[in-house]
PDB file of N, CA and C in Angstrom:
ATOM      1  N   UNK A   1       0.813  -1.190  -0.114  1.00  0.00           N
ATOM      2  CA  UNK A   1      -0.044   0.033   0.146  1.00  0.00           C
ATOM      3  C   UNK A   1       0.880   1.186   0.011  1.00  0.00           C
ATOM      4  N   UNK A   2       0.712   2.221  -1.006  1.00  0.00           N
ATOM      5  CA  UNK A   2       1.418   3.366  -1.106  1.00  0.00           C
ATOM      6  C   UNK A   2       0.701   4.347  -0.497  1.00  0.00           C
ATOM      7  N   UNK A   3       1.157   5.211   0.435  1.00  0.00           N
ATOM      8  CA  UNK A   3       0.472   6.364   1.003  1.00  0.00           C
ATOM      9  C   UNK A   3       1.474   7.693   0.701  1.00  0.00           C
ATOM     10  N   UNK A   4       0.785   8.709   0.243  1.00  0.00           N
ATOM     11  CA  UNK A   4       1.694   9.850  -0.124  1.00  0.00           C
ATOM     12  C   UNK A   4       0.853  11.124   0.642  1.00  0.00           C
ATOM     13  N   UNK A   5       1.949  11.785   1.390  1.00  0.00           N
ATOM     14  CA  UNK A   5       1.357  13.057   2.139  1.00  0.00           C
ATOM     15  C   UNK A   5       1.787  14.273   1.012  1.00  0.00           C
ATOM     16  N   UNK A   6       0.812  14.642   0.464  1.00  0.00           N
ATOM     17  CA  UNK A   6       1.146  15.916  -0.487  1.00  0.00           C
ATOM     18  C   UNK A   6       1.566  16.994   0.076  1.00  0.00           C
ATOM     19  N   UNK A   7       1.024  17.624   1.121  1.00  0.00           N
ATOM     20  CA  UNK A   7       1.269  18.815   1.711  1.00  0.00           C
ATOM     21  C   UNK A   7       0.552  19.055   3.130  1.00  0.00           C
ATOM     22  N   UNK A   8       1.477  19.393   4.151  1.00  0.00           N
ATOM     23  CA  UNK A   8       1.069  19.611   5.424  1.00  0.00           C
ATOM     24  C   UNK A   8       1.948  20.668   6.204  1.00  0.00           C
ATOM     25  N   UNK A   9       1.279  21.455   7.025  1.00  0.00           N
ATOM     26  CA  UNK A   9       2.054  22.181   7.833  1.00  0.00           C
ATOM     27  C   UNK A   9       2.484  21.667   9.026  1.00  0.00           C
ATOM     28  N   UNK A  10       3.890  21.772   9.469  1.00  0.00           N
ATOM     29  CA  UNK A  10       4.373  21.059  10.526  1.00  0.00           C
ATOM     30  C   UNK A  10       4.725  22.098  11.426  1.00  0.00           C
ATOM     31  N   UNK A  11       4.256  21.911  12.732  1.00  0.00           N
ATOM     32  CA  UNK A  11       4.519  23.048  13.699  1.00  0.00           C
ATOM     33  C   UNK A  11       5.961  23.147  14.038  1.00  0.00           C
ATOM     34  N   UNK A  12       6.509  24.332  14.342  1.00  0.00           N
ATOM     35  CA  UNK A  12       7.881  24.459  14.787  1.00  0.00           C
ATOM     36  C   UNK A  12       8.284  23.444  15.909  1.00  0.00           C
ATOM     37  N   UNK A  13       9.394  22.708  15.769  1.00  0.00           N
ATOM     38  CA  UNK A  13       9.896  21.807  16.914  1.00  0.00           C
ATOM     39  C   UNK A  13       9.146  20.432  16.937  1.00  0.00           C
ATOM     40  N   UNK A  14       8.269  20.226  15.857  1.00  0.00           N
ATOM     41  CA  UNK A  14       7.488  18.881  15.727  1.00  0.00           C
ATOM     42  C   UNK A  14       7.974  17.875  14.836  1.00  0.00           C
ATOM     43  N   UNK A  15       8.960  18.302  13.848  1.00  0.00           N
ATOM     44  CA  UNK A  15       9.355  17.572  12.852  1.00  0.00           C
ATOM     45  C   UNK A  15      10.072  16.329  13.146  1.00  0.00           C
ATOM     46  N   UNK A  16      10.873  16.276  14.298  1.00  0.00           N
ATOM     47  CA  UNK A  16      11.534  15.050  14.680  1.00  0.00           C
ATOM     48  C   UNK A  16      10.470  14.156  15.146  1.00  0.00           C
ATOM     49  N   UNK A  17       9.433  14.524  15.930  1.00  0.00           N
ATOM     50  CA  UNK A  17       8.434  13.616  16.368  1.00  0.00           C
ATOM     51  C   UNK A  17       7.721  12.971  15.264  1.00  0.00           C
ATOM     52  N   UNK A  18       7.334  13.818  14.277  1.00  0.00           N
ATOM     53  CA  UNK A  18       6.636  13.272  13.081  1.00  0.00           C
ATOM     54  C   UNK A  18       7.631  12.302  12.271  1.00  0.00           C
ATOM     55  N   UNK A  19       8.768  12.475  12.140  1.00  0.00           N
ATOM     56  CA  UNK A  19       9.658  11.544  11.513  1.00  0.00           C
ATOM     57  C   UNK A  19       9.725  10.201  12.261  1.00  0.00           C
ATOM     58  N   UNK A  20       9.697  10.274  13.589  1.00  0.00           N
ATOM     59  CA  UNK A  20       9.617   8.996  14.459  1.00  0.00           C
ATOM     60  C   UNK A  20       8.327   8.404  14.230  1.00  0.00           C
ATOM     61  N   UNK A  21       7.203   8.950  14.166  1.00  0.00           N
ATOM     62  CA  UNK A  21       5.876   8.401  13.964  1.00  0.00           C
ATOM     63  C   UNK A  21       5.891   7.809  12.521  1.00  0.00           C
ATOM     64  N   UNK A  22       6.304   8.387  11.405  1.00  0.00           N
ATOM     65  CA  UNK A  22       6.529   7.737  10.196  1.00  0.00           C
ATOM     66  C   UNK A  22       7.246   6.502  10.332  1.00  0.00           C
ATOM     67  N   UNK A  23       8.428   6.541  10.830  1.00  0.00           N
ATOM     68  CA  UNK A  23       9.365   5.358  11.048  1.00  0.00           C
ATOM     69  C   UNK A  23       8.408   4.191  11.768  1.00  0.00           C
ATOM     70  N   UNK A  24       7.725   4.565  12.774  1.00  0.00           N
ATOM     71  CA  UNK A  24       6.951   3.546  13.602  1.00  0.00           C
ATOM     72  C   UNK A  24       5.958   3.042  12.493  1.00  0.00           C
ATOM     73  N   UNK A  25       5.241   3.879  11.748  1.00  0.00           N
ATOM     74  CA  UNK A  25       4.158   3.242  10.678  1.00  0.00           C
ATOM     75  C   UNK A  25       4.855   2.351   9.761  1.00  0.00           C
ATOM     76  N   UNK A  26       6.012   2.664   9.286  1.00  0.00           N
ATOM     77  CA  UNK A  26       6.780   1.887   8.512  1.00  0.00           C
ATOM     78  C   UNK A  26       7.085   0.507   9.028  1.00  0.00           C
ATOM     79  N   UNK A  27       7.739   0.666  10.296  1.00  0.00           N
ATOM     80  CA  UNK A  27       8.067  -0.677  10.948  1.00  0.00           C
ATOM     81  C   UNK A  27       6.793  -1.537  11.336  1.00  0.00           C
ATOM     82  N   UNK A  28       5.767  -1.007  11.454  1.00  0.00           N
ATOM     83  CA  UNK A  28       4.554  -1.778  11.804  1.00  0.00           C
ATOM     84  C   UNK A  28       3.488  -1.794  10.612  1.00  0.00           C
ATOM     85  N   UNK A  29       4.018  -1.769   9.285  1.00  0.00           N
ATOM     86  CA  UNK A  29       3.248  -1.648   8.134  1.00  0.00           C
ATOM     87  C   UNK A  29       2.024  -2.666   8.008  1.00  0.00           C
ATOM     88  N   UNK A  30       2.262  -3.913   8.498  1.00  0.00           N
ATOM     89  CA  UNK A  30       1.160  -4.852   8.384  1.00  0.00           C
ATOM     90  C   UNK A  30       0.063  -4.535   9.319  1.00  0.00           C
ATOM     91  N   UNK A  31       0.526  -4.103  10.436  1.00  0.00           N
ATOM     92  CA  UNK A  31      -0.545  -3.734  11.523  1.00  0.00           C
ATOM     93  C   UNK A  31      -1.424  -2.556  10.895  1.00  0.00           C
ATOM     94  N   UNK A  32      -0.713  -1.564  10.453  1.00  0.00           N
ATOM     95  CA  UNK A  32      -1.456  -0.473   9.915  1.00  0.00           C
ATOM     96  C   UNK A  32      -2.413  -0.726   8.705  1.00  0.00           C
ATOM     97  N   UNK A  33      -1.920  -1.548   7.941  1.00  0.00           N
ATOM     98  CA  UNK A  33      -2.821  -1.888   6.632  1.00  0.00           C
ATOM     99  C   UNK A  33      -3.968  -2.591   7.385  1.00  0.00           C
ATOM    100  N   UNK A  34      -3.768  -3.542   8.271  1.00  0.00           N
ATOM    101  CA  UNK A  34      -4.888  -4.400   8.841  1.00  0.00           C
ATOM    102  C   UNK A  34      -5.897  -3.443   9.490  1.00  0.00           C
ATOM    103  N   UNK A  35      -5.414  -2.607  10.243  1.00  0.00           N
ATOM    104  CA  UNK A  35      -6.334  -1.623  11.021  1.00  0.00           C
ATOM    105  C   UNK A  35      -7.000  -0.715   9.889  1.00  0.00           C
ATOM    106  N   UNK A  36      -6.379  -0.076   8.906  1.00  0.00           N
ATOM    107  CA  UNK A  36      -7.077   0.681   8.003  1.00  0.00           C
ATOM    108  C   UNK A  36      -8.083  -0.113   7.147  1.00  0.00           C
ATOM    109  N   UNK A  37      -7.879  -1.428   6.884  1.00  0.00           N
ATOM    110  CA  UNK A  37      -8.886  -2.281   6.259  1.00  0.00           C
ATOM    111  C   UNK A  37     -10.020  -2.389   7.179  1.00  0.00           C
ATOM    112  N   UNK A  38      -9.767  -2.775   8.408  1.00  0.00           N
ATOM    113  CA  UNK A  38     -10.845  -3.068   9.368  1.00  0.00           C
ATOM    114  C   UNK A  38     -11.741  -1.710   9.530  1.00  0.00           C
ATOM    115  N   UNK A  39     -11.067  -0.624   9.499  1.00  0.00           N
ATOM    116  CA  UNK A  39     -11.801   0.725   9.510  1.00  0.00           C
ATOM    117  C   UNK A  39     -12.518   1.141   8.252  1.00  0.00           C
ATOM    118  N   UNK A  40     -12.338   0.277   7.225  1.00  0.00           N
ATOM    119  CA  UNK A  40     -12.954   0.714   6.009  1.00  0.00           C
ATOM    120  C   UNK A  40     -12.346   1.739   5.132  1.00  0.00           C
ATOM    121  N   UNK A  41     -10.945   1.893   5.476  1.00  0.00           N
ATOM    122  CA  UNK A  41     -10.451   3.097   4.581  1.00  0.00           C
ATOM    123  C   UNK A  41      -9.770   2.516   3.384  1.00  0.00           C
TER     124      UNK A  41
END
């Protein structure tokens, strides 16, 4: 599943936390896909 963020404003000082969150989503991709399918996304 490919997901692309086209544009978003990032609050000052929040970029590192966002990168950590993206890394976690990547590491847990199977769980993320399963959850999204369960939610009907």
